[in-house]
Amino acid sequence: MVEYVVILAALTAALLLAGNGSVEALRQAVVDKQRGHSYALSLSELPETDDLGQLAEYYNTLGKYPELATQLESGNQKLDELADRLEQTNQLLDNFDPEAIAEAATGYDFKFNPF
C-alpha cells in the first residue's frame, strides 16, 4: 500500500511540474471521482425475487418510482391470471383419453375436400 502511495505521489508531482496540469484540475478530478463514488454507493440495490408482487411492494416503500410499482402490480396480476388458466387447462387435460377419441372416430372418413 505504501508503494502505491509513493508511486502515485511521484507521478502526480511529475505531471504538475511538467506543466501538464494544475493543482486545481487535480483537486477537481478528485472531487468529481468522490462524488461519483458516493452517488454509486447511495443507489439502492434491486431485491432478488421472482415475485413481482414483492418487487412492487419494495418500490412502493421506496416511494421513488410509483409508476414502476403500478406496472409491476399489473404484470403480477396478469401472470397470476395466466397461472390460473394454465392450472385449469392442466385439470382438463388430466381427464383426456386419446384412445377414447380414436374409438369414437372409427368408421368415419375425415378426408378434407375444399371443393
C-alpha atoms as a PDB file:
ATOM      1  CA  MET A   1       0.000   0.000   0.000  1.00  0.00           C
ATOM      2  CA  VAL A   2       2.838   2.381   0.834  1.00  0.00           C
ATOM      3  CA  GLU A   3       4.448   1.702  -2.547  1.00  0.00           C
ATOM      4  CA  TYR A   4       1.208   2.649  -4.285  1.00  0.00           C
ATOM      5  CA  VAL A   5       1.027   5.991  -2.432  1.00  0.00           C
ATOM      6  CA  VAL A   6       4.684   6.772  -3.194  1.00  0.00           C
ATOM      7  CA  ILE A   7       4.289   5.987  -6.899  1.00  0.00           C
ATOM      8  CA  LEU A   8       1.052   7.983  -7.093  1.00  0.00           C
ATOM      9  CA  ALA A   9       2.689  10.983  -5.400  1.00  0.00           C
ATOM     10  CA  ALA A  10       5.689  10.786  -7.733  1.00  0.00           C
ATOM     11  CA  LEU A  11       3.522  10.636 -10.844  1.00  0.00           C
ATOM     12  CA  THR A  12       1.330  13.498  -9.605  1.00  0.00           C
ATOM     13  CA  ALA A  13       4.379  15.640  -8.901  1.00  0.00           C
ATOM     14  CA  ALA A  14       5.831  14.823 -12.329  1.00  0.00           C
ATOM     15  CA  LEU A  15       2.632  15.869 -14.073  1.00  0.00           C
ATOM     16  CA  LEU A  16       2.315  19.085 -12.082  1.00  0.00           C
ATOM     17  CA  LEU A  17       5.953  20.069 -12.505  1.00  0.00           C
ATOM     18  CA  ALA A  18       5.925  19.376 -16.236  1.00  0.00           C
ATOM     19  CA  GLY A  19       3.117  21.883 -16.731  1.00  0.00           C
ATOM     20  CA  ASN A  20       0.588  19.325 -17.928  1.00  0.00           C
ATOM     21  CA  GLY A  21      -1.894  20.112 -15.181  1.00  0.00           C
ATOM     22  CA  SER A  22      -2.619  22.265 -12.212  1.00  0.00           C
ATOM     23  CA  VAL A  23      -3.416  21.655  -8.582  1.00  0.00           C
ATOM     24  CA  GLU A  24      -6.934  22.970  -9.153  1.00  0.00           C
ATOM     25  CA  ALA A  25      -7.539  20.493 -12.014  1.00  0.00           C
ATOM     26  CA  LEU A  26      -6.253  17.675  -9.828  1.00  0.00           C
ATOM     27  CA  ARG A  27      -8.455  18.756  -6.925  1.00  0.00           C
ATOM     28  CA  GLN A  28     -11.496  18.947  -9.197  1.00  0.00           C
ATOM     29  CA  ALA A  29     -10.798  15.473 -10.582  1.00  0.00           C
ATOM     30  CA  VAL A  30     -10.604  14.030  -7.060  1.00  0.00           C
ATOM     31  CA  VAL A  31     -13.833  15.825  -6.062  1.00  0.00           C
ATOM     32  CA  ASP A  32     -15.650  14.530  -9.174  1.00  0.00           C
ATOM     33  CA  LYS A  33     -14.434  10.997  -8.553  1.00  0.00           C
ATOM     34  CA  GLN A  34     -15.545  11.159  -4.909  1.00  0.00           C
ATOM     35  CA  ARG A  35     -18.995  12.495  -5.888  1.00  0.00           C
ATOM     36  CA  GLY A  36     -19.447   9.737  -8.445  1.00  0.00           C
ATOM     37  CA  HIS A  37     -18.364   7.099  -5.972  1.00  0.00           C
ATOM     38  CA  SER A  38     -20.663   8.357  -3.209  1.00  0.00           C
ATOM     39  CA  TYR A  39     -23.586   8.569  -5.676  1.00  0.00           C
ATOM     40  CA  ALA A  40     -22.976   5.000  -6.815  1.00  0.00           C
ATOM     41  CA  LEU A  41     -22.956   3.819  -3.208  1.00  0.00           C
ATOM     42  CA  SER A  42     -26.188   5.687  -2.455  1.00  0.00           C
ATOM     43  CA  LEU A  43     -28.160   3.831  -5.133  1.00  0.00           C
ATOM     44  CA  SER A  44     -30.360   1.132  -3.702  1.00  0.00           C
ATOM     45  CA  GLU A  45     -29.875  -2.427  -4.838  1.00  0.00           C
ATOM     46  CA  LEU A  46     -32.634  -4.333  -6.582  1.00  0.00           C
ATOM     47  CA  PRO A  47     -34.104  -7.079  -4.460  1.00  0.00           C
ATOM     48  CA  GLU A  48     -33.606 -10.596  -5.737  1.00  0.00           C
ATOM     49  CA  THR A  49     -37.051 -12.135  -6.053  1.00  0.00           C
ATOM     50  CA  ASP A  50     -39.189 -13.872  -8.630  1.00  0.00           C
ATOM     51  CA  ASP A  51     -42.402 -12.488  -7.154  1.00  0.00           C
ATOM     52  CA  LEU A  52     -43.487  -9.289  -8.901  1.00  0.00           C
ATOM     53  CA  GLY A  53     -45.850  -8.521  -6.029  1.00  0.00           C
ATOM     54  CA  GLN A  54     -42.935  -8.347  -3.582  1.00  0.00           C
ATOM     55  CA  LEU A  55     -40.962  -6.213  -6.033  1.00  0.00           C
ATOM     56  CA  ALA A  56     -43.906  -3.810  -6.433  1.00  0.00           C
ATOM     57  CA  GLU A  57     -44.228  -3.584  -2.638  1.00  0.00           C
ATOM     58  CA  TYR A  58     -40.496  -2.799  -2.421  1.00  0.00           C
ATOM     59  CA  TYR A  59     -40.831   0.081  -4.885  1.00  0.00           C
ATOM     60  CA  ASN A  60     -43.932   1.353  -3.073  1.00  0.00           C
ATOM     61  CA  THR A  61     -41.977   1.522   0.185  1.00  0.00           C
ATOM     62  CA  LEU A  62     -39.160   3.393  -1.567  1.00  0.00           C
ATOM     63  CA  GLY A  63     -41.556   5.977  -2.932  1.00  0.00           C
ATOM     64  CA  LYS A  64     -39.142   6.751  -5.761  1.00  0.00           C
ATOM     65  CA  TYR A  65     -40.781   5.051  -8.724  1.00  0.00           C
ATOM     66  CA  PRO A  66     -44.576   4.959  -8.288  1.00  0.00           C
ATOM     67  CA  GLU A  67     -45.189   4.274 -11.988  1.00  0.00           C
ATOM     68  CA  LEU A  68     -42.875   1.251 -11.877  1.00  0.00           C
ATOM     69  CA  ALA A  69     -44.666  -0.165  -8.851  1.00  0.00           C
ATOM     70  CA  THR A  70     -48.007   0.176 -10.670  1.00  0.00           C
ATOM     71  CA  GLN A  71     -46.640  -1.590 -13.753  1.00  0.00           C
ATOM     72  CA  LEU A  72     -45.191  -4.393 -11.642  1.00  0.00           C
ATOM     73  CA  GLU A  73     -48.512  -4.892  -9.824  1.00  0.00           C
ATOM     74  CA  SER A  74     -50.326  -5.031 -13.171  1.00  0.00           C
ATOM     75  CA  GLY A  75     -47.822  -7.551 -14.512  1.00  0.00           C
ATOM     76  CA  ASN A  76     -48.159  -9.633 -11.365  1.00  0.00           C
ATOM     77  CA  GLN A  77     -51.959  -9.750 -11.759  1.00  0.00           C
ATOM     78  CA  LYS A  78     -51.655 -10.826 -15.403  1.00  0.00           C
ATOM     79  CA  LEU A  79     -49.152 -13.549 -14.511  1.00  0.00           C
ATOM     80  CA  ASP A  80     -51.448 -14.800 -11.739  1.00  0.00           C
ATOM     81  CA  GLU A  81     -54.363 -14.952 -14.211  1.00  0.00           C
ATOM     82  CA  LEU A  82     -52.184 -16.865 -16.683  1.00  0.00           C
ATOM     83  CA  ALA A  83     -51.116 -19.301 -13.963  1.00  0.00           C
ATOM     84  CA  ASP A  84     -54.770 -19.894 -13.048  1.00  0.00           C
ATOM     85  CA  ARG A  85     -55.701 -20.545 -16.684  1.00  0.00           C
ATOM     86  CA  LEU A  86     -52.800 -22.963 -17.089  1.00  0.00           C
ATOM     87  CA  GLU A  87     -53.886 -24.809 -13.948  1.00  0.00           C
ATOM     88  CA  GLN A  88     -57.438 -25.085 -15.304  1.00  0.00           C
ATOM     89  CA  THR A  89     -56.090 -26.396 -18.618  1.00  0.00           C
ATOM     90  CA  ASN A  90     -53.968 -28.973 -16.791  1.00  0.00           C
ATOM     91  CA  GLN A  91     -57.020 -30.161 -14.860  1.00  0.00           C
ATOM     92  CA  LEU A  92     -58.992 -30.547 -18.094  1.00  0.00           C
ATOM     93  CA  LEU A  93     -56.167 -32.441 -19.757  1.00  0.00           C
ATOM     94  CA  ASP A  94     -55.866 -34.855 -16.833  1.00  0.00           C
ATOM     95  CA  ASN A  95     -59.138 -36.450 -17.978  1.00  0.00           C
ATOM     96  CA  PHE A  96     -58.159 -36.517 -21.660  1.00  0.00           C
ATOM     97  CA  ASP A  97     -58.136 -40.020 -23.187  1.00  0.00           C
ATOM     98  CA  PRO A  98     -56.891 -40.113 -26.801  1.00  0.00           C
ATOM     99  CA  GLU A  99     -57.843 -43.782 -27.175  1.00  0.00           C
ATOM    100  CA  ALA A 100     -61.490 -42.963 -26.462  1.00  0.00           C
ATOM    101  CA  ILE A 101     -61.434 -40.365 -29.241  1.00  0.00           C
ATOM    102  CA  ALA A 102     -59.833 -42.862 -31.633  1.00  0.00           C
ATOM    103  CA  GLU A 103     -62.540 -45.422 -30.828  1.00  0.00           C
ATOM    104  CA  ALA A 104     -65.323 -42.876 -31.332  1.00  0.00           C
ATOM    105  CA  ALA A 105     -63.852 -41.798 -34.683  1.00  0.00           C
ATOM    106  CA  THR A 106     -63.713 -45.284 -36.198  1.00  0.00           C
ATOM    107  CA  GLY A 107     -65.848 -45.682 -39.280  1.00  0.00           C
ATOM    108  CA  TYR A 108     -65.747 -42.007 -40.283  1.00  0.00           C
ATOM    109  CA  ASP A 109     -63.953 -40.646 -43.333  1.00  0.00           C
ATOM    110  CA  PHE A 110     -62.181 -37.433 -42.333  1.00  0.00           C
ATOM    111  CA  LYS A 111     -60.720 -36.532 -45.704  1.00  0.00           C
ATOM    112  CA  PHE A 112     -60.898 -32.829 -46.306  1.00  0.00           C
ATOM    113  CA  ASN A 113     -62.154 -31.777 -49.717  1.00  0.00           C
ATOM    114  CA  PRO A 114     -62.388 -27.973 -50.068  1.00  0.00           C
ATOM    115  CA  PHE A 115     -64.292 -28.124 -53.402  1.00  0.00           C
END
